[in-house]
C-alpha atoms as a PDB file:
ATOM      1  CA  UNK A   1      20.477  -6.301 -18.065  1.00  0.00           C
ATOM      2  CA  UNK A   2      19.360  -7.480 -14.523  1.00  0.00           C
ATOM      3  CA  UNK A   3      20.611  -5.303 -11.919  1.00  0.00           C
ATOM      4  CA  UNK A   4      22.983  -6.462  -9.162  1.00  0.00           C
ATOM      5  CA  UNK A   5      20.552  -7.367  -5.934  1.00  0.00           C
ATOM      6  CA  UNK A   6      21.814  -7.950  -2.716  1.00  0.00           C
ATOM      7  CA  UNK A   7      19.418  -9.994  -0.452  1.00  0.00           C
ATOM      8  CA  UNK A   8      21.310  -9.721   2.602  1.00  0.00           C
ATOM      9  CA  UNK A   9      21.248  -5.944   2.550  1.00  0.00           C
ATOM     10  CA  UNK A  10      17.809  -4.994   1.533  1.00  0.00           C
ATOM     11  CA  UNK A  11      17.142  -7.535   4.238  1.00  0.00           C
ATOM     12  CA  UNK A  12      18.568  -4.656   6.860  1.00  0.00           C
ATOM     13  CA  UNK A  13      17.123  -1.634   4.901  1.00  0.00           C
ATOM     14  CA  UNK A  14      13.402  -3.547   5.456  1.00  0.00           C
ATOM     15  CA  UNK A  15      14.407  -4.390   8.675  1.00  0.00           C
ATOM     16  CA  UNK A  16      15.045  -0.649   9.238  1.00  0.00           C
ATOM     17  CA  UNK A  17      11.785   0.334   7.718  1.00  0.00           C
ATOM     18  CA  UNK A  18      10.455  -2.200   9.375  1.00  0.00           C
ATOM     19  CA  UNK A  19      11.316  -0.048  12.831  1.00  0.00           C
ATOM     20  CA  UNK A  20       9.573   2.845  11.867  1.00  0.00           C
ATOM     21  CA  UNK A  21       6.714   1.527   9.390  1.00  0.00           C
ATOM     22  CA  UNK A  22       5.389  -1.017  12.084  1.00  0.00           C
ATOM     23  CA  UNK A  23       2.447   0.521  14.634  1.00  0.00           C
ATOM     24  CA  UNK A  24       1.370  -1.999  17.425  1.00  0.00           C
ATOM     25  CA  UNK A  25      -1.816   0.361  17.208  1.00  0.00           C
ATOM     26  CA  UNK A  26      -2.842  -0.073  13.611  1.00  0.00           C
ATOM     27  CA  UNK A  27      -5.952  -1.701  12.730  1.00  0.00           C
ATOM     28  CA  UNK A  28      -6.971  -3.846   9.483  1.00  0.00           C
ATOM     29  CA  UNK A  29      -6.851  -1.781   6.469  1.00  0.00           C
ATOM     30  CA  UNK A  30      -6.854  -2.329   2.897  1.00  0.00           C
ATOM     31  CA  UNK A  31      -6.224   0.698   0.093  1.00  0.00           C
ATOM     32  CA  UNK A  32      -4.300   0.515  -3.122  1.00  0.00           C
ATOM     33  CA  UNK A  33      -3.346   3.623  -3.052  1.00  0.00           C
ATOM     34  CA  UNK A  34      -1.066   6.050  -0.761  1.00  0.00           C
ATOM     35  CA  UNK A  35      -3.829   8.316   0.253  1.00  0.00           C
ATOM     36  CA  UNK A  36      -6.442   6.272   2.644  1.00  0.00           C
ATOM     37  CA  UNK A  37      -9.775   5.687   1.466  1.00  0.00           C
ATOM     38  CA  UNK A  38      -9.243   6.619  -2.171  1.00  0.00           C
ATOM     39  CA  UNK A  39      -9.603   4.919  -4.793  1.00  0.00           C
ATOM     40  CA  UNK A  40     -10.602   1.086  -5.475  1.00  0.00           C
ATOM     41  CA  UNK A  41     -10.824  -1.767  -2.615  1.00  0.00           C
ATOM     42  CA  UNK A  42     -10.352  -5.608  -2.218  1.00  0.00           C
ATOM     43  CA  UNK A  43     -12.905  -5.896  -4.967  1.00  0.00           C
ATOM     44  CA  UNK A  44     -10.248  -5.832  -7.747  1.00  0.00           C
ATOM     45  CA  UNK A  45      -8.707  -9.503  -6.130  1.00  0.00           C
ATOM     46  CA  UNK A  46     -12.445 -10.846  -7.156  1.00  0.00           C
ATOM     47  CA  UNK A  47     -14.195 -12.904  -5.072  1.00  0.00           C
ATOM     48  CA  UNK A  48     -11.481 -15.008  -3.478  1.00  0.00           C
ATOM     49  CA  UNK A  49     -10.888 -17.492  -1.246  1.00  0.00           C
ATOM     50  CA  UNK A  50      -7.547 -17.890  -0.320  1.00  0.00           C
ATOM     51  CA  UNK A  51      -5.057 -14.813  -1.409  1.00  0.00           C
ATOM     52  CA  UNK A  52      -1.194 -14.546  -1.118  1.00  0.00           C
ATOM     53  CA  UNK A  53       0.439 -11.389  -0.878  1.00  0.00           C
ATOM     54  CA  UNK A  54       3.978 -10.528  -1.430  1.00  0.00           C
ATOM     55  CA  UNK A  55       6.005  -7.769  -0.117  1.00  0.00           C
ATOM     56  CA  UNK A  56       3.075  -7.720   2.410  1.00  0.00           C
ATOM     57  CA  UNK A  57       4.747  -5.298   5.124  1.00  0.00           C
ATOM     58  CA  UNK A  58       2.987  -4.055   8.330  1.00  0.00           C
ATOM     59  CA  UNK A  59       0.139  -6.735   6.867  1.00  0.00           C
ATOM     60  CA  UNK A  60      -2.877  -4.785   7.262  1.00  0.00           C
ATOM     61  CA  UNK A  61      -4.288  -5.548   3.874  1.00  0.00           C
ATOM     62  CA  UNK A  62      -3.952  -9.497   5.023  1.00  0.00           C
ATOM     63  CA  UNK A  63      -5.999  -8.727   8.173  1.00  0.00           C
ATOM     64  CA  UNK A  64      -8.699  -6.626   6.462  1.00  0.00           C
ATOM     65  CA  UNK A  65      -9.375  -9.769   4.146  1.00  0.00           C
ATOM     66  CA  UNK A  66      -9.029 -12.358   7.027  1.00  0.00           C
ATOM     67  CA  UNK A  67     -11.406 -10.749   8.651  1.00  0.00           C
ATOM     68  CA  UNK A  68     -13.758 -10.740   5.048  1.00  0.00           C
ATOM     69  CA  UNK A  69     -13.423 -14.837   5.518  1.00  0.00           C
ATOM     70  CA  UNK A  70     -10.600 -15.000   2.854  1.00  0.00           C
ATOM     71  CA  UNK A  71      -7.885 -17.210   3.851  1.00  0.00           C
ATOM     72  CA  UNK A  72      -4.656 -15.051   3.849  1.00  0.00           C
ATOM     73  CA  UNK A  73      -1.042 -15.583   3.112  1.00  0.00           C
ATOM     74  CA  UNK A  74       1.901 -13.012   2.956  1.00  0.00           C
ATOM     75  CA  UNK A  75       5.858 -13.333   2.360  1.00  0.00           C
ATOM     76  CA  UNK A  76       8.446 -10.696   3.342  1.00  0.00           C
ATOM     77  CA  UNK A  77      11.583 -10.393   2.828  1.00  0.00           C
ATOM     78  CA  UNK A  78      12.196  -8.361   6.710  1.00  0.00           C
ATOM     79  CA  UNK A  79      12.472 -10.783   9.353  1.00  0.00           C
ATOM     80  CA  UNK A  80      12.066  -8.038  11.685  1.00  0.00           C
ATOM     81  CA  UNK A  81       7.906  -7.167   9.327  1.00  0.00           C
ATOM     82  CA  UNK A  82       7.754 -10.940   9.774  1.00  0.00           C
ATOM     83  CA  UNK A  83       7.994 -11.203  13.590  1.00  0.00           C
ATOM     84  CA  UNK A  84       6.082  -8.278  14.137  1.00  0.00           C
ATOM     85  CA  UNK A  85       2.835  -8.529  11.339  1.00  0.00           C
ATOM     86  CA  UNK A  86       2.583 -12.603  12.568  1.00  0.00           C
ATOM     87  CA  UNK A  87       2.082 -11.623  16.217  1.00  0.00           C
ATOM     88  CA  UNK A  88      -0.303  -9.094  15.606  1.00  0.00           C
ATOM     89  CA  UNK A  89      -2.524 -10.712  12.659  1.00  0.00           C
ATOM     90  CA  UNK A  90      -1.320 -14.354  13.609  1.00  0.00           C
ATOM     91  CA  UNK A  91      -4.934 -14.801  16.104  1.00  0.00           C
ATOM     92  CA  UNK A  92      -7.070 -13.376  12.789  1.00  0.00           C
ATOM     93  CA  UNK A  93      -5.620 -16.509  11.192  1.00  0.00           C
ATOM     94  CA  UNK A  94      -3.086 -14.540   8.920  1.00  0.00           C
ATOM     95  CA  UNK A  95      -0.052 -16.573   7.799  1.00  0.00           C
ATOM     96  CA  UNK A  96       2.923 -14.692   6.887  1.00  0.00           C
ATOM     97  CA  UNK A  97       6.012 -16.503   6.325  1.00  0.00           C
ATOM     98  CA  UNK A  98       9.582 -14.859   5.401  1.00  0.00           C
ATOM     99  CA  UNK A  99      11.794 -15.177   2.334  1.00  0.00           C
ATOM    100  CA  UNK A 100      13.173 -13.554  -0.709  1.00  0.00           C
ATOM    101  CA  UNK A 101       9.918 -13.615  -3.101  1.00  0.00           C
ATOM    102  CA  UNK A 102      11.407 -15.551  -6.180  1.00  0.00           C
ATOM    103  CA  UNK A 103      13.065 -17.716  -4.061  1.00  0.00           C
ATOM    104  CA  UNK A 104      10.004 -18.670  -1.841  1.00  0.00           C
ATOM    105  CA  UNK A 105       7.708 -18.799  -5.001  1.00  0.00           C
ATOM    106  CA  UNK A 106      10.024 -21.278  -6.558  1.00  0.00           C
ATOM    107  CA  UNK A 107       9.394 -23.498  -3.469  1.00  0.00           C
ATOM    108  CA  UNK A 108       5.729 -22.707  -2.740  1.00  0.00           C
ATOM    109  CA  UNK A 109       3.264 -25.358  -3.920  1.00  0.00           C
ATOM    110  CA  UNK A 110       0.238 -22.970  -3.456  1.00  0.00           C
ATOM    111  CA  UNK A 111      -1.899 -22.255  -5.369  1.00  0.00           C
ATOM    112  CA  UNK A 112      -4.020 -19.026  -5.431  1.00  0.00           C
ATOM    113  CA  UNK A 113      -7.273 -17.547  -6.730  1.00  0.00           C
ATOM    114  CA  UNK A 114      -5.550 -14.273  -6.359  1.00  0.00           C
ATOM    115  CA  UNK A 115      -2.119 -12.719  -5.939  1.00  0.00           C
ATOM    116  CA  UNK A 116      -1.080  -9.356  -5.350  1.00  0.00           C
ATOM    117  CA  UNK A 117       0.989  -6.511  -4.149  1.00  0.00           C
ATOM    118  CA  UNK A 118       0.291  -2.801  -2.535  1.00  0.00           C
ATOM    119  CA  UNK A 119       3.502  -0.756  -2.663  1.00  0.00           C
ATOM    120  CA  UNK A 120       5.530  -4.381  -2.690  1.00  0.00           C
ATOM    121  CA  UNK A 121       7.058  -6.903  -4.080  1.00  0.00           C
ATOM    122  CA  UNK A 122       6.307  -6.387  -7.758  1.00  0.00           C
ATOM    123  CA  UNK A 123       7.432  -2.758  -7.248  1.00  0.00           C
ATOM    124  CA  UNK A 124      10.782  -4.092  -6.069  1.00  0.00           C
ATOM    125  CA  UNK A 125      11.338  -7.530  -7.871  1.00  0.00           C
ATOM    126  CA  UNK A 126      12.106  -8.148 -12.013  1.00  0.00           C
ATOM    127  CA  UNK A 127       9.071  -8.394 -13.351  1.00  0.00           C
ATOM    128  CA  UNK A 128      10.632 -10.907 -16.616  1.00  0.00           C
ATOM    129  CA  UNK A 129      11.592 -13.338 -13.453  1.00  0.00           C
ATOM    130  CA  UNK A 130       8.566 -12.679 -10.831  1.00  0.00           C
ATOM    131  CA  UNK A 131       5.322 -12.511 -13.585  1.00  0.00           C
ATOM    132  CA  UNK A 132       6.213 -16.453 -15.018  1.00  0.00           C
ATOM    133  CA  UNK A 133       6.101 -17.642 -11.098  1.00  0.00           C
ATOM    134  CA  UNK A 134       2.890 -15.609  -9.831  1.00  0.00           C
ATOM    135  CA  UNK A 135       0.906 -17.147 -12.957  1.00  0.00           C
ATOM    136  CA  UNK A 136       1.980 -20.461 -11.954  1.00  0.00           C
ATOM    137  CA  UNK A 137       0.504 -20.395  -8.497  1.00  0.00           C
ATOM    138  CA  UNK A 138      -2.767 -19.032  -9.903  1.00  0.00           C
ATOM    139  CA  UNK A 139      -5.726 -20.854 -10.540  1.00  0.00           C
ATOM    140  CA  UNK A 140      -6.935 -20.216 -13.406  1.00  0.00           C
ATOM    141  CA  UNK A 141      -8.879 -16.989 -14.391  1.00  0.00           C
ATOM    142  CA  UNK A 142      -6.968 -15.888 -10.990  1.00  0.00           C
ATOM    143  CA  UNK A 143      -6.486 -12.305 -10.540  1.00  0.00           C
ATOM    144  CA  UNK A 144      -3.029 -10.989 -10.279  1.00  0.00           C
ATOM    145  CA  UNK A 145      -3.434  -7.116  -8.861  1.00  0.00           C
ATOM    146  CA  UNK A 146      -0.204  -4.704  -7.735  1.00  0.00           C
ATOM    147  CA  UNK A 147      -0.079  -0.835  -7.218  1.00  0.00           C
ATOM    148  CA  UNK A 148       2.946   1.667  -7.078  1.00  0.00           C
ATOM    149  CA  UNK A 149       3.387   5.215  -8.081  1.00  0.00           C
ATOM    150  CA  UNK A 150       3.310   5.775 -11.623  1.00  0.00           C
ATOM    151  CA  UNK A 151       7.037   6.063 -13.516  1.00  0.00           C
ATOM    152  CA  UNK A 152       8.560   9.415 -13.549  1.00  0.00           C
ATOM    153  CA  UNK A 153       8.771  10.260 -17.272  1.00  0.00           C
ATOM    154  CA  UNK A 154      11.696   9.308 -19.069  1.00  0.00           C
ATOM    155  CA  UNK A 155      12.932   7.384 -15.841  1.00  0.00           C
ATOM    156  CA  UNK A 156      12.228   3.579 -17.345  1.00  0.00           C
ATOM    157  CA  UNK A 157      13.327   0.525 -16.278  1.00  0.00           C
ATOM    158  CA  UNK A 158      14.955  -1.038 -12.589  1.00  0.00           C
ATOM    159  CA  UNK A 159      15.459   2.752 -10.491  1.00  0.00           C
ATOM    160  CA  UNK A 160      17.960   2.788  -7.357  1.00  0.00           C
ATOM    161  CA  UNK A 161      16.532   3.787  -4.615  1.00  0.00           C
ATOM    162  CA  UNK A 162      18.406   4.576  -0.962  1.00  0.00           C
ATOM    163  CA  UNK A 163      16.838   4.466   2.324  1.00  0.00           C
ATOM    164  CA  UNK A 164      16.898   7.568   4.458  1.00  0.00           C
ATOM    165  CA  UNK A 165      18.099   9.631   2.424  1.00  0.00           C
ATOM    166  CA  UNK A 166      21.792  10.444   1.547  1.00  0.00           C
ATOM    167  CA  UNK A 167      23.664  10.184   4.298  1.00  0.00           C
ATOM    168  CA  UNK A 168      24.414   7.339   6.713  1.00  0.00           C
ATOM    169  CA  UNK A 169      24.861   3.576   5.730  1.00  0.00           C
ATOM    170  CA  UNK A 170      24.581   3.077   1.893  1.00  0.00           C
ATOM    171  CA  UNK A 171      21.497   0.747   2.138  1.00  0.00           C
ATOM    172  CA  UNK A 172      19.680   0.745  -1.609  1.00  0.00           C
ATOM    173  CA  UNK A 173      17.628  -2.064  -3.564  1.00  0.00           C
ATOM    174  CA  UNK A 174      16.174  -1.547  -6.768  1.00  0.00           C
ATOM    175  CA  UNK A 175      12.299  -0.793  -7.967  1.00  0.00           C
ATOM    176  CA  UNK A 176      10.604  -1.189 -11.321  1.00  0.00           C
ATOM    177  CA  UNK A 177       9.138   1.500 -13.333  1.00  0.00           C
ATOM    178  CA  UNK A 178       7.627   1.534 -16.650  1.00  0.00           C
ATOM    179  CA  UNK A 179       4.397   3.179 -18.532  1.00  0.00           C
ATOM    180  CA  UNK A 180       1.004   1.455 -18.164  1.00  0.00           C
ATOM    181  CA  UNK A 181       1.354  -0.282 -21.739  1.00  0.00           C
ATOM    182  CA  UNK A 182       5.029  -2.157 -21.043  1.00  0.00           C
ATOM    183  CA  UNK A 183       3.552  -3.459 -17.831  1.00  0.00           C
ATOM    184  CA  UNK A 184       0.886  -5.006 -19.838  1.00  0.00           C
ATOM    185  CA  UNK A 185       3.212  -6.289 -22.258  1.00  0.00           C
ATOM    186  CA  UNK A 186       5.623  -7.893 -19.420  1.00  0.00           C
ATOM    187  CA  UNK A 187       2.114  -9.779 -17.980  1.00  0.00           C
ATOM    188  CA  UNK A 188       1.215 -11.010 -21.232  1.00  0.00           C
ATOM    189  CA  UNK A 189       4.680 -12.497 -22.099  1.00  0.00           C
ATOM    190  CA  UNK A 190       4.429 -14.043 -19.182  1.00  0.00           C
ATOM    191  CA  UNK A 191       0.975 -15.974 -20.481  1.00  0.00           C
ATOM    192  CA  UNK A 192      -1.121 -14.168 -18.756  1.00  0.00           C
ATOM    193  CA  UNK A 193      -4.883 -14.027 -20.506  1.00  0.00           C
ATOM    194  CA  UNK A 194      -5.248 -10.465 -20.280  1.00  0.00           C
ATOM    195  CA  UNK A 195      -3.577  -7.084 -18.436  1.00  0.00           C
ATOM    196  CA  UNK A 196      -4.937  -3.517 -17.835  1.00  0.00           C
ATOM    197  CA  UNK A 197      -2.267  -1.271 -16.090  1.00  0.00           C
ATOM    198  CA  UNK A 198      -3.939   2.276 -15.340  1.00  0.00           C
ATOM    199  CA  UNK A 199      -2.823   5.006 -13.344  1.00  0.00           C
ATOM    200  CA  UNK A 200      -5.782   6.636 -10.762  1.00  0.00           C
ATOM    201  CA  UNK A 201      -5.146  10.208  -9.952  1.00  0.00           C
ATOM    202  CA  UNK A 202      -4.492  11.693  -6.835  1.00  0.00           C
ATOM    203  CA  UNK A 203      -7.483  13.028  -4.691  1.00  0.00           C
ATOM    204  CA  UNK A 204      -5.778  16.655  -5.079  1.00  0.00           C
ATOM    205  CA  UNK A 205      -4.399  17.871  -7.893  1.00  0.00           C
ATOM    206  CA  UNK A 206      -1.268  17.743  -9.218  1.00  0.00           C
ATOM    207  CA  UNK A 207      -0.045  15.661  -6.765  1.00  0.00           C
ATOM    208  CA  UNK A 208       1.439  11.818  -7.402  1.00  0.00           C
ATOM    209  CA  UNK A 209      -0.934   9.385  -8.691  1.00  0.00           C
ATOM    210  CA  UNK A 210      -1.227   5.332  -8.303  1.00  0.00           C
ATOM    211  CA  UNK A 211      -0.341   2.667 -10.652  1.00  0.00           C
ATOM    212  CA  UNK A 212      -3.157   0.173 -10.495  1.00  0.00           C
ATOM    213  CA  UNK A 213      -2.368  -2.955 -12.478  1.00  0.00           C
ATOM    214  CA  UNK A 214      -4.488  -6.246 -13.180  1.00  0.00           C
ATOM    215  CA  UNK A 215      -4.096  -9.264 -14.755  1.00  0.00           C
ATOM    216  CA  UNK A 216      -6.301 -12.113 -15.051  1.00  0.00           C
ATOM    217  CA  UNK A 217      -3.993 -15.893 -16.036  1.00  0.00           C
END
């Protein structure tokens, strides 16, 4: 059963996150994991000419790709994040638009060589609705890649998450967690030709790993 996303409240949540997460002195950087310099890099996208990042946040990954000559487009729910990231990375040719990802994809007519999400919209959007839209926006053989923390054992499906702890205004969203094999089934059901999901171990034993999922249209 779908969970009741409140997009207006989630926008406020991500605006609050933007105020704390965006740094004016940040440099372009692309990393799938939560550990700087650890794990694979943008080679998982193939050799794209045009990419779309869904839930692009600070835009640092888009900026990294733009510096490599890739046409880089992003979408994010937070007006604050979109404004600040656009001002920061626009001179590199990065284009970032504001929108709720499902509505934005439904209206967009672009076809991308790769679509990706780094702890972004693929973590916070119902995959049964998101994945078919992503596939429609990929060229034949295009890659969809996303990363997020692996599911906590026994905690699967949509998981409620408060912003900023358990005090203050009740700002919350939902994130989606599944075993790797279930992510693969979601993608194949959405029409992808192949899918592979696995967990990259953290650089320190016993620390939280990173789920990385890759599928081809």
